[in-house]
C-alpha atoms as a PDB file:
ATOM      1  CA  UNK A   1     133.226  61.366  40.899  1.00  0.00           C
ATOM      2  CA  UNK A   2     137.088  61.965  40.214  1.00  0.00           C
ATOM      3  CA  UNK A   3     138.083  60.510  36.733  1.00  0.00           C
ATOM      4  CA  UNK A   4     141.518  59.249  36.727  1.00  0.00           C
ATOM      5  CA  UNK A   5     143.319  61.027  34.098  1.00  0.00           C
ATOM      6  CA  UNK A   6     145.168  58.797  31.273  1.00  0.00           C
ATOM      7  CA  UNK A   7     148.807  59.841  30.299  1.00  0.00           C
ATOM      8  CA  UNK A   8     148.725  61.181  26.580  1.00  0.00           C
ATOM      9  CA  UNK A   9     150.958  59.615  24.167  1.00  0.00           C
ATOM     10  CA  UNK A  10     152.575  62.636  21.796  1.00  0.00           C
ATOM     11  CA  UNK A  11     152.379  62.263  18.598  1.00  0.00           C
ATOM     12  CA  UNK A  12     156.435  61.244  17.725  1.00  0.00           C
ATOM     13  CA  UNK A  13     156.189  58.777  20.717  1.00  0.00           C
ATOM     14  CA  UNK A  14     152.744  57.008  18.810  1.00  0.00           C
ATOM     15  CA  UNK A  15     154.316  56.809  15.374  1.00  0.00           C
ATOM     16  CA  UNK A  16     157.478  55.376  16.720  1.00  0.00           C
ATOM     17  CA  UNK A  17     155.515  53.125  19.072  1.00  0.00           C
ATOM     18  CA  UNK A  18     154.076  51.884  15.770  1.00  0.00           C
ATOM     19  CA  UNK A  19     157.227  52.071  13.723  1.00  0.00           C
ATOM     20  CA  UNK A  20     158.573  49.526  16.178  1.00  0.00           C
ATOM     21  CA  UNK A  21     155.195  47.516  16.085  1.00  0.00           C
ATOM     22  CA  UNK A  22     155.696  46.864  12.437  1.00  0.00           C
ATOM     23  CA  UNK A  23     154.167  47.748   8.859  1.00  0.00           C
ATOM     24  CA  UNK A  24     151.775  45.401   7.300  1.00  0.00           C
ATOM     25  CA  UNK A  25     153.005  44.824   3.721  1.00  0.00           C
ATOM     26  CA  UNK A  26     151.354  43.364   1.245  1.00  0.00           C
ATOM     27  CA  UNK A  27     153.604  40.730  -0.697  1.00  0.00           C
ATOM     28  CA  UNK A  28     154.119  39.896  -4.747  1.00  0.00           C
ATOM     29  CA  UNK A  29     156.481  38.648  -7.061  1.00  0.00           C
ATOM     30  CA  UNK A  30     157.568  40.134  -9.982  1.00  0.00           C
ATOM     31  CA  UNK A  31     160.217  37.864 -12.171  1.00  0.00           C
ATOM     32  CA  UNK A  32     162.456  36.324  -9.282  1.00  0.00           C
ATOM     33  CA  UNK A  33     162.014  39.113  -6.970  1.00  0.00           C
ATOM     34  CA  UNK A  34     159.850  39.841  -3.997  1.00  0.00           C
ATOM     35  CA  UNK A  35     158.197  43.332  -3.514  1.00  0.00           C
ATOM     36  CA  UNK A  36     155.929  44.701  -0.949  1.00  0.00           C
ATOM     37  CA  UNK A  37     153.561  47.643  -0.504  1.00  0.00           C
ATOM     38  CA  UNK A  38     151.837  49.191   2.430  1.00  0.00           C
ATOM     39  CA  UNK A  39     148.680  46.637   2.500  1.00  0.00           C
ATOM     40  CA  UNK A  40     146.734  49.997   3.365  1.00  0.00           C
ATOM     41  CA  UNK A  41     147.295  50.991  -0.164  1.00  0.00           C
ATOM     42  CA  UNK A  42     145.471  47.955  -1.333  1.00  0.00           C
ATOM     43  CA  UNK A  43     141.624  47.990  -2.313  1.00  0.00           C
ATOM     44  CA  UNK A  44     141.303  44.683  -3.189  1.00  0.00           C
ATOM     45  CA  UNK A  45     142.890  41.276  -5.817  1.00  0.00           C
ATOM     46  CA  UNK A  46     141.841  40.608  -8.552  1.00  0.00           C
ATOM     47  CA  UNK A  47     142.577  37.515 -11.250  1.00  0.00           C
ATOM     48  CA  UNK A  48     143.890  39.010 -14.783  1.00  0.00           C
ATOM     49  CA  UNK A  49     141.553  40.050 -16.506  1.00  0.00           C
ATOM     50  CA  UNK A  50     141.215  41.723 -20.404  1.00  0.00           C
ATOM     51  CA  UNK A  51     141.784  45.457 -20.449  1.00  0.00           C
ATOM     52  CA  UNK A  52     140.848  47.838 -23.229  1.00  0.00           C
ATOM     53  CA  UNK A  53     143.532  49.192 -24.323  1.00  0.00           C
ATOM     54  CA  UNK A  54     143.895  53.280 -24.825  1.00  0.00           C
ATOM     55  CA  UNK A  55     145.535  55.234 -27.920  1.00  0.00           C
ATOM     56  CA  UNK A  56     148.555  57.326 -26.611  1.00  0.00           C
ATOM     57  CA  UNK A  57     149.149  55.655 -23.502  1.00  0.00           C
ATOM     58  CA  UNK A  58     152.575  55.136 -21.552  1.00  0.00           C
ATOM     59  CA  UNK A  59     154.497  52.289 -22.603  1.00  0.00           C
ATOM     60  CA  UNK A  60     153.830  50.684 -18.875  1.00  0.00           C
ATOM     61  CA  UNK A  61     149.990  51.721 -19.131  1.00  0.00           C
ATOM     62  CA  UNK A  62     148.220  48.420 -20.417  1.00  0.00           C
ATOM     63  CA  UNK A  63     144.673  49.478 -20.749  1.00  0.00           C
ATOM     64  CA  UNK A  64     141.757  50.553 -18.716  1.00  0.00           C
ATOM     65  CA  UNK A  65     139.042  47.823 -17.130  1.00  0.00           C
ATOM     66  CA  UNK A  66     135.924  48.614 -15.623  1.00  0.00           C
ATOM     67  CA  UNK A  67     135.772  48.040 -11.657  1.00  0.00           C
ATOM     68  CA  UNK A  68     131.876  48.254 -10.712  1.00  0.00           C
ATOM     69  CA  UNK A  69     131.303  51.181 -12.814  1.00  0.00           C
ATOM     70  CA  UNK A  70     134.982  53.001 -12.383  1.00  0.00           C
ATOM     71  CA  UNK A  71     136.941  53.301 -14.580  1.00  0.00           C
ATOM     72  CA  UNK A  72     140.746  52.168 -13.407  1.00  0.00           C
ATOM     73  CA  UNK A  73     144.078  52.270 -15.501  1.00  0.00           C
ATOM     74  CA  UNK A  74     146.059  49.185 -15.307  1.00  0.00           C
ATOM     75  CA  UNK A  75     149.724  49.590 -15.057  1.00  0.00           C
ATOM     76  CA  UNK A  76     152.489  46.680 -15.948  1.00  0.00           C
ATOM     77  CA  UNK A  77     155.185  46.692 -13.329  1.00  0.00           C
ATOM     78  CA  UNK A  78     157.556  44.720 -15.426  1.00  0.00           C
ATOM     79  CA  UNK A  79     157.149  46.857 -18.328  1.00  0.00           C
ATOM     80  CA  UNK A  80     157.653  50.262 -15.587  1.00  0.00           C
ATOM     81  CA  UNK A  81     160.468  48.394 -14.671  1.00  0.00           C
ATOM     82  CA  UNK A  82     162.307  47.250 -17.883  1.00  0.00           C
ATOM     83  CA  UNK A  83     162.021  43.311 -17.198  1.00  0.00           C
ATOM     84  CA  UNK A  84     161.027  41.119 -19.420  1.00  0.00           C
ATOM     85  CA  UNK A  85     157.612  39.743 -20.652  1.00  0.00           C
ATOM     86  CA  UNK A  86     156.705  36.794 -18.591  1.00  0.00           C
ATOM     87  CA  UNK A  87     156.035  33.560 -20.266  1.00  0.00           C
ATOM     88  CA  UNK A  88     153.369  32.354 -18.057  1.00  0.00           C
ATOM     89  CA  UNK A  89     151.085  35.489 -18.306  1.00  0.00           C
ATOM     90  CA  UNK A  90     148.042  33.411 -17.678  1.00  0.00           C
ATOM     91  CA  UNK A  91     149.172  33.655 -13.783  1.00  0.00           C
ATOM     92  CA  UNK A  92     149.444  37.293 -13.370  1.00  0.00           C
ATOM     93  CA  UNK A  93     146.921  39.182 -10.780  1.00  0.00           C
ATOM     94  CA  UNK A  94     145.803  43.044 -10.829  1.00  0.00           C
ATOM     95  CA  UNK A  95     146.298  44.728  -7.625  1.00  0.00           C
ATOM     96  CA  UNK A  96     144.154  47.590  -7.080  1.00  0.00           C
ATOM     97  CA  UNK A  97     145.564  49.942  -5.205  1.00  0.00           C
ATOM     98  CA  UNK A  98     144.125  53.921  -3.857  1.00  0.00           C
ATOM     99  CA  UNK A  99     146.215  56.407  -4.664  1.00  0.00           C
ATOM    100  CA  UNK A 100     144.802  59.541  -3.162  1.00  0.00           C
ATOM    101  CA  UNK A 101     141.361  59.619  -4.486  1.00  0.00           C
ATOM    102  CA  UNK A 102     142.578  57.547  -7.368  1.00  0.00           C
ATOM    103  CA  UNK A 103     141.835  53.966  -8.171  1.00  0.00           C
ATOM    104  CA  UNK A 104     144.595  52.313 -10.165  1.00  0.00           C
ATOM    105  CA  UNK A 105     145.900  48.453 -10.984  1.00  0.00           C
ATOM    106  CA  UNK A 106     149.345  47.118 -10.869  1.00  0.00           C
ATOM    107  CA  UNK A 107     149.782  43.780 -12.650  1.00  0.00           C
ATOM    108  CA  UNK A 108     152.103  41.614 -11.204  1.00  0.00           C
ATOM    109  CA  UNK A 109     153.646  37.796 -11.147  1.00  0.00           C
ATOM    110  CA  UNK A 110     151.008  36.645  -8.521  1.00  0.00           C
ATOM    111  CA  UNK A 111     150.823  37.660  -4.922  1.00  0.00           C
ATOM    112  CA  UNK A 112     152.615  35.914  -1.854  1.00  0.00           C
ATOM    113  CA  UNK A 113     151.210  37.049   1.261  1.00  0.00           C
ATOM    114  CA  UNK A 114     150.604  39.870   3.991  1.00  0.00           C
ATOM    115  CA  UNK A 115     153.459  40.510   6.298  1.00  0.00           C
ATOM    116  CA  UNK A 116     154.429  42.347   9.339  1.00  0.00           C
ATOM    117  CA  UNK A 117     157.690  43.715   8.831  1.00  0.00           C
ATOM    118  CA  UNK A 118     159.522  45.647  11.868  1.00  0.00           C
ATOM    119  CA  UNK A 119     161.242  48.844  11.905  1.00  0.00           C
ATOM    120  CA  UNK A 120     164.328  47.555  12.629  1.00  0.00           C
ATOM    121  CA  UNK A 121     164.378  44.915   9.456  1.00  0.00           C
ATOM    122  CA  UNK A 122     164.412  47.594   6.822  1.00  0.00           C
ATOM    123  CA  UNK A 123     167.376  48.639   5.814  1.00  0.00           C
ATOM    124  CA  UNK A 124     167.227  51.990   2.896  1.00  0.00           C
ATOM    125  CA  UNK A 125     167.239  51.187  -0.599  1.00  0.00           C
ATOM    126  CA  UNK A 126     169.783  51.754  -2.812  1.00  0.00           C
ATOM    127  CA  UNK A 127     170.811  54.558  -4.062  1.00  0.00           C
ATOM    128  CA  UNK A 128     171.187  52.941  -7.874  1.00  0.00           C
ATOM    129  CA  UNK A 129     168.654  50.250  -8.692  1.00  0.00           C
ATOM    130  CA  UNK A 130     167.792  48.388 -11.809  1.00  0.00           C
ATOM    131  CA  UNK A 131     164.371  49.726 -11.884  1.00  0.00           C
ATOM    132  CA  UNK A 132     163.284  53.422 -11.153  1.00  0.00           C
ATOM    133  CA  UNK A 133     165.030  54.194  -7.670  1.00  0.00           C
ATOM    134  CA  UNK A 134     162.152  57.128  -6.722  1.00  0.00           C
ATOM    135  CA  UNK A 135     159.957  53.920  -6.170  1.00  0.00           C
ATOM    136  CA  UNK A 136     161.863  51.921  -3.535  1.00  0.00           C
ATOM    137  CA  UNK A 137     161.680  52.997   0.243  1.00  0.00           C
ATOM    138  CA  UNK A 138     163.832  50.246   1.553  1.00  0.00           C
ATOM    139  CA  UNK A 139     164.868  46.968   1.435  1.00  0.00           C
ATOM    140  CA  UNK A 140     163.069  44.478   3.850  1.00  0.00           C
ATOM    141  CA  UNK A 141     164.116  41.001   5.376  1.00  0.00           C
ATOM    142  CA  UNK A 142     161.784  38.334   6.207  1.00  0.00           C
ATOM    143  CA  UNK A 143     163.283  35.287   7.169  1.00  0.00           C
ATOM    144  CA  UNK A 144     165.643  34.513   4.188  1.00  0.00           C
ATOM    145  CA  UNK A 145     164.067  36.426   1.632  1.00  0.00           C
ATOM    146  CA  UNK A 146     164.493  40.120   1.010  1.00  0.00           C
ATOM    147  CA  UNK A 147     161.710  42.489   0.289  1.00  0.00           C
ATOM    148  CA  UNK A 148     161.736  45.617  -2.256  1.00  0.00           C
ATOM    149  CA  UNK A 149     159.403  47.982  -0.576  1.00  0.00           C
ATOM    150  CA  UNK A 150     157.801  50.125  -3.288  1.00  0.00           C
ATOM    151  CA  UNK A 151     156.363  53.208  -2.583  1.00  0.00           C
ATOM    152  CA  UNK A 152     152.795  53.003  -4.471  1.00  0.00           C
ATOM    153  CA  UNK A 153     152.595  57.175  -4.587  1.00  0.00           C
ATOM    154  CA  UNK A 154     156.037  57.443  -6.794  1.00  0.00           C
ATOM    155  CA  UNK A 155     155.502  53.916  -8.460  1.00  0.00           C
ATOM    156  CA  UNK A 156     152.088  54.740 -10.848  1.00  0.00           C
ATOM    157  CA  UNK A 157     153.017  59.190 -10.536  1.00  0.00           C
ATOM    158  CA  UNK A 158     152.893  59.390 -14.113  1.00  0.00           C
ATOM    159  CA  UNK A 159     149.244  57.908 -14.913  1.00  0.00           C
ATOM    160  CA  UNK A 160     146.973  59.933 -16.240  1.00  0.00           C
ATOM    161  CA  UNK A 161     143.270  59.256 -15.018  1.00  0.00           C
ATOM    162  CA  UNK A 162     141.212  57.843 -18.039  1.00  0.00           C
END
């Protein structure tokens, strides 16, 4: 019985194919801008809930929440990026993300949708940006909407687990 051998795909070819197929992003709003993060980093999306403040935490760390027995630090992206506080803060949501072995909450104005962005629609991020440029992986175009693509790992780098 002869088994037909399937051609093997090199790791570089597989990466290139996945890149052309596109990256899935969760998009959200912060102020008047739209942002995107890798959907694979997202654990869940939760409505706004009270946080417990922690003494001597950085200004952008709102506090912590208890998420099914796990203490999760919550970062406010408006404060992290130096944006003014929102008038309608009651509509903000928490995006719970996984960074390595840690779980972290990110406060944003609202979640928009999940999109697939082909590599051809992504441009390099600006070298100089009003927000921390080390967090920006690129700028993506989705129709007439520009998405600021963020690196979740770089974004939450300064938060110490509570």
